[in-house]
Amino acid sequence: MYYLYDGVGRRVQEVSTYDVEKVFVYKVFGQMAEEYSIGAQSLPCTTTTSPNDFEPVRGTSAKKNEQTGESFQLDRFHKDHYEVY
């Protein structure tokens, strides 16, 4: 497990080895307002996390999620993320 801190030393994120993440949200004056747990089960549906949910789009390298109608196209310039349409 490790922690990430903001510029004034407040803990803003906790990451465990089990793909469970906690995010800490602070109010303007520094009091902790909320703590959210994010687990592996709540990952967004993408071509990486759910490849079987996507079909190729004819004539392009894009992939379309039939359930949501979103199309994912690999960013041609950066090549490290997808553009979602």
N, C-alpha and C. Protein backbone atom coordinates (compact mmCIF):
# COMPACT_ATOMS: atom_id res chain seq x y z
N MET A 1 0.85 -1.17 0.00
CA MET A 1 0.00 0.00 0.00
C MET A 1 0.90 1.23 0.00
N TYR A 2 0.45 2.25 -0.73
CA TYR A 2 1.19 3.51 -0.71
C TYR A 2 0.20 4.66 -0.78
N TYR A 3 0.69 5.85 -0.46
CA TYR A 3 -0.15 7.04 -0.39
C TYR A 3 0.41 8.12 -1.31
N LEU A 4 -0.49 8.95 -1.82
CA LEU A 4 -0.10 10.12 -2.59
C LEU A 4 -0.58 11.35 -1.83
N TYR A 5 0.23 12.41 -1.85
CA TYR A 5 -0.07 13.63 -1.09
C TYR A 5 -0.12 14.82 -2.02
N ASP A 6 -0.87 15.85 -1.63
CA ASP A 6 -0.91 17.07 -2.42
C ASP A 6 0.23 18.00 -2.00
N GLY A 7 0.25 19.20 -2.56
CA GLY A 7 1.35 20.14 -2.32
C GLY A 7 1.47 20.65 -0.90
N VAL A 8 0.42 20.56 -0.10
CA VAL A 8 0.50 21.02 1.29
C VAL A 8 0.56 19.87 2.28
N GLY A 9 0.78 18.65 1.77
CA GLY A 9 1.00 17.51 2.65
C GLY A 9 -0.23 16.72 3.05
N ARG A 10 -1.38 17.02 2.46
CA ARG A 10 -2.59 16.25 2.79
C ARG A 10 -2.62 14.98 1.96
N ARG A 11 -3.02 13.90 2.59
CA ARG A 11 -3.16 12.62 1.88
C ARG A 11 -4.35 12.73 0.94
N VAL A 12 -4.14 12.47 -0.34
CA VAL A 12 -5.22 12.58 -1.31
C VAL A 12 -5.59 11.25 -1.95
N GLN A 13 -4.71 10.26 -1.82
CA GLN A 13 -5.00 8.97 -2.45
C GLN A 13 -4.27 7.86 -1.72
N GLU A 14 -4.94 6.72 -1.59
CA GLU A 14 -4.35 5.52 -1.01
C GLU A 14 -4.54 4.40 -2.02
N VAL A 15 -3.48 3.69 -2.34
CA VAL A 15 -3.56 2.60 -3.31
C VAL A 15 -3.04 1.35 -2.65
N SER A 16 -3.83 0.27 -2.70
CA SER A 16 -3.40 -0.99 -2.11
C SER A 16 -2.97 -1.95 -3.21
N THR A 17 -2.44 -3.07 -2.82
CA THR A 17 -1.97 -4.07 -3.77
C THR A 17 -3.11 -4.88 -4.35
N TYR A 18 -4.33 -4.68 -3.87
CA TYR A 18 -5.49 -5.43 -4.35
C TYR A 18 -6.35 -4.61 -5.30
N ASP A 19 -5.78 -3.62 -5.95
CA ASP A 19 -6.48 -2.76 -6.90
C ASP A 19 -7.66 -2.03 -6.27
N VAL A 20 -7.57 -1.75 -4.99
CA VAL A 20 -8.58 -0.93 -4.32
C VAL A 20 -7.93 0.40 -4.02
N GLU A 21 -8.61 1.45 -4.36
CA GLU A 21 -8.05 2.79 -4.23
C GLU A 21 -9.00 3.65 -3.42
N LYS A 22 -8.46 4.47 -2.55
CA LYS A 22 -9.27 5.43 -1.82
C LYS A 22 -8.84 6.82 -2.24
N VAL A 23 -9.82 7.69 -2.47
CA VAL A 23 -9.56 9.08 -2.83
C VAL A 23 -10.12 9.95 -1.72
N PHE A 24 -9.32 10.89 -1.22
CA PHE A 24 -9.72 11.78 -0.14
C PHE A 24 -9.97 13.17 -0.72
N VAL A 25 -11.13 13.74 -0.42
CA VAL A 25 -11.51 15.07 -0.92
C VAL A 25 -11.60 16.02 0.27
N TYR A 26 -10.97 17.19 0.12
CA TYR A 26 -10.91 18.16 1.21
C TYR A 26 -11.72 19.40 0.90
N LYS A 27 -12.25 20.03 1.94
CA LYS A 27 -12.95 21.31 1.81
C LYS A 27 -11.92 22.42 1.62
N VAL A 28 -12.39 23.61 1.34
CA VAL A 28 -11.52 24.75 1.07
C VAL A 28 -10.55 25.01 2.23
N PHE A 29 -11.00 24.88 3.46
CA PHE A 29 -10.16 25.20 4.61
C PHE A 29 -9.38 24.00 5.15
N GLY A 30 -9.34 22.90 4.40
CA GLY A 30 -8.48 21.79 4.76
C GLY A 30 -9.12 20.62 5.49
N GLN A 31 -10.39 20.72 5.88
CA GLN A 31 -11.03 19.59 6.53
C GLN A 31 -11.40 18.54 5.48
N MET A 32 -11.24 17.26 5.85
CA MET A 32 -11.61 16.21 4.91
C MET A 32 -13.12 16.19 4.75
N ALA A 33 -13.60 16.25 3.51
CA ALA A 33 -15.02 16.28 3.24
C ALA A 33 -15.56 14.89 2.92
N GLU A 34 -14.86 14.14 2.09
CA GLU A 34 -15.33 12.83 1.65
C GLU A 34 -14.16 11.88 1.47
N GLU A 35 -14.47 10.60 1.54
CA GLU A 35 -13.51 9.54 1.26
C GLU A 35 -14.22 8.55 0.36
N TYR A 36 -13.67 8.31 -0.83
CA TYR A 36 -14.29 7.40 -1.78
C TYR A 36 -13.41 6.19 -1.97
N SER A 37 -14.01 5.01 -1.99
CA SER A 37 -13.29 3.79 -2.31
C SER A 37 -13.61 3.41 -3.75
N ILE A 38 -12.56 3.12 -4.47
CA ILE A 38 -12.70 2.73 -5.87
C ILE A 38 -12.04 1.37 -6.02
N GLY A 39 -12.80 0.38 -6.43
CA GLY A 39 -12.25 -0.96 -6.59
C GLY A 39 -12.13 -1.33 -8.05
N ALA A 40 -11.50 -2.46 -8.29
CA ALA A 40 -11.32 -2.94 -9.66
C ALA A 40 -12.65 -3.17 -10.36
N GLN A 41 -13.68 -3.51 -9.60
CA GLN A 41 -14.98 -3.76 -10.20
C GLN A 41 -15.62 -2.49 -10.75
N SER A 42 -15.15 -1.33 -10.37
CA SER A 42 -15.77 -0.09 -10.82
C SER A 42 -14.99 0.58 -11.95
N LEU A 43 -14.09 -0.14 -12.58
CA LEU A 43 -13.33 0.45 -13.69
C LEU A 43 -14.27 0.76 -14.85
N PRO A 44 -14.04 1.84 -15.58
CA PRO A 44 -14.90 2.15 -16.70
C PRO A 44 -14.75 1.12 -17.80
N CYS A 45 -15.78 0.96 -18.60
CA CYS A 45 -15.76 0.01 -19.70
C CYS A 45 -14.93 0.61 -20.83
N THR A 46 -13.77 0.03 -21.08
CA THR A 46 -12.91 0.48 -22.16
C THR A 46 -12.47 -0.72 -22.99
N THR A 47 -11.77 -0.47 -24.09
CA THR A 47 -11.29 -1.56 -24.93
C THR A 47 -10.27 -2.42 -24.20
N THR A 48 -9.65 -1.90 -23.13
CA THR A 48 -8.69 -2.66 -22.36
C THR A 48 -9.37 -3.46 -21.26
N THR A 49 -10.30 -2.85 -20.53
CA THR A 49 -10.93 -3.52 -19.40
C THR A 49 -12.01 -4.50 -19.84
N SER A 50 -12.68 -4.25 -20.95
CA SER A 50 -13.78 -5.11 -21.42
C SER A 50 -13.69 -5.29 -22.94
N PRO A 51 -12.66 -5.98 -23.43
CA PRO A 51 -12.48 -6.07 -24.89
C PRO A 51 -13.61 -6.79 -25.61
N ASN A 52 -14.33 -7.67 -24.92
CA ASN A 52 -15.41 -8.41 -25.57
C ASN A 52 -16.66 -7.57 -25.80
N ASP A 53 -16.74 -6.38 -25.20
CA ASP A 53 -17.90 -5.50 -25.38
C ASP A 53 -17.78 -4.62 -26.61
N PHE A 54 -16.69 -4.73 -27.35
CA PHE A 54 -16.43 -3.84 -28.48
C PHE A 54 -16.35 -4.61 -29.79
N GLU A 55 -16.88 -3.96 -30.82
CA GLU A 55 -16.83 -4.50 -32.17
C GLU A 55 -16.00 -3.55 -33.04
N PRO A 56 -15.26 -4.06 -34.02
CA PRO A 56 -14.51 -3.16 -34.90
C PRO A 56 -15.45 -2.34 -35.78
N VAL A 57 -15.02 -1.13 -36.10
CA VAL A 57 -15.78 -0.25 -37.00
C VAL A 57 -15.18 -0.41 -38.39
N ARG A 58 -15.99 -0.78 -39.34
CA ARG A 58 -15.53 -1.09 -40.69
C ARG A 58 -14.80 0.10 -41.32
N GLY A 59 -13.62 -0.16 -41.86
CA GLY A 59 -12.86 0.87 -42.56
C GLY A 59 -12.00 1.76 -41.67
N THR A 60 -12.02 1.53 -40.34
CA THR A 60 -11.20 2.34 -39.43
C THR A 60 -10.56 1.42 -38.38
N SER A 61 -9.70 2.01 -37.57
CA SER A 61 -9.12 1.25 -36.46
C SER A 61 -9.93 1.45 -35.18
N ALA A 62 -11.08 2.14 -35.29
CA ALA A 62 -11.91 2.39 -34.10
C ALA A 62 -12.65 1.14 -33.68
N LYS A 63 -13.07 1.14 -32.43
CA LYS A 63 -13.89 0.07 -31.88
C LYS A 63 -15.12 0.71 -31.26
N LYS A 64 -16.29 0.07 -31.41
CA LYS A 64 -17.53 0.64 -30.92
C LYS A 64 -18.14 -0.27 -29.86
N ASN A 65 -18.57 0.36 -28.76
CA ASN A 65 -19.27 -0.35 -27.71
C ASN A 65 -20.74 -0.37 -28.10
N GLU A 66 -21.27 -1.55 -28.38
CA GLU A 66 -22.65 -1.67 -28.84
C GLU A 66 -23.66 -1.30 -27.75
N GLN A 67 -23.29 -1.49 -26.48
CA GLN A 67 -24.22 -1.18 -25.38
C GLN A 67 -24.39 0.31 -25.18
N THR A 68 -23.30 1.08 -25.27
CA THR A 68 -23.36 2.52 -25.00
C THR A 68 -23.35 3.36 -26.26
N GLY A 69 -22.92 2.79 -27.38
CA GLY A 69 -22.83 3.55 -28.62
C GLY A 69 -21.55 4.35 -28.74
N GLU A 70 -20.66 4.28 -27.74
CA GLU A 70 -19.40 5.03 -27.78
C GLU A 70 -18.41 4.36 -28.71
N SER A 71 -17.67 5.19 -29.45
CA SER A 71 -16.60 4.69 -30.32
C SER A 71 -15.26 5.11 -29.74
N PHE A 72 -14.33 4.19 -29.69
CA PHE A 72 -12.99 4.43 -29.16
C PHE A 72 -12.01 4.38 -30.31
N GLN A 73 -11.24 5.44 -30.46
CA GLN A 73 -10.22 5.54 -31.51
C GLN A 73 -8.89 5.84 -30.85
N LEU A 74 -7.85 5.04 -31.11
CA LEU A 74 -6.53 5.30 -30.54
C LEU A 74 -6.03 6.64 -31.03
N ASP A 75 -5.58 7.49 -30.11
CA ASP A 75 -5.05 8.81 -30.47
C ASP A 75 -3.84 8.61 -31.36
N ARG A 76 -3.88 9.13 -32.56
CA ARG A 76 -2.81 8.90 -33.54
C ARG A 76 -1.54 9.67 -33.23
N PHE A 77 -1.66 10.77 -32.50
CA PHE A 77 -0.49 11.58 -32.19
C PHE A 77 0.24 11.05 -30.96
N HIS A 78 -0.49 10.87 -29.86
CA HIS A 78 0.14 10.45 -28.61
C HIS A 78 0.28 8.94 -28.49
N LYS A 79 -0.66 8.18 -29.04
CA LYS A 79 -0.65 6.72 -29.04
C LYS A 79 -0.63 6.10 -27.64
N ASP A 80 -1.04 6.87 -26.61
CA ASP A 80 -1.07 6.30 -25.26
C ASP A 80 -2.45 6.36 -24.64
N HIS A 81 -3.46 6.80 -25.42
CA HIS A 81 -4.83 6.86 -24.92
C HIS A 81 -5.79 6.84 -26.09
N TYR A 82 -7.06 6.63 -25.77
CA TYR A 82 -8.10 6.60 -26.78
C TYR A 82 -8.92 7.88 -26.75
N GLU A 83 -9.40 8.27 -27.92
CA GLU A 83 -10.40 9.32 -28.02
C GLU A 83 -11.75 8.63 -28.03
N VAL A 84 -12.71 9.18 -27.30
CA VAL A 84 -14.04 8.57 -27.20
C VAL A 84 -15.05 9.49 -27.88
N TYR A 85 -15.83 8.93 -28.79
CA TYR A 85 -16.83 9.71 -29.53
C TYR A 85 -18.21 9.13 -29.31
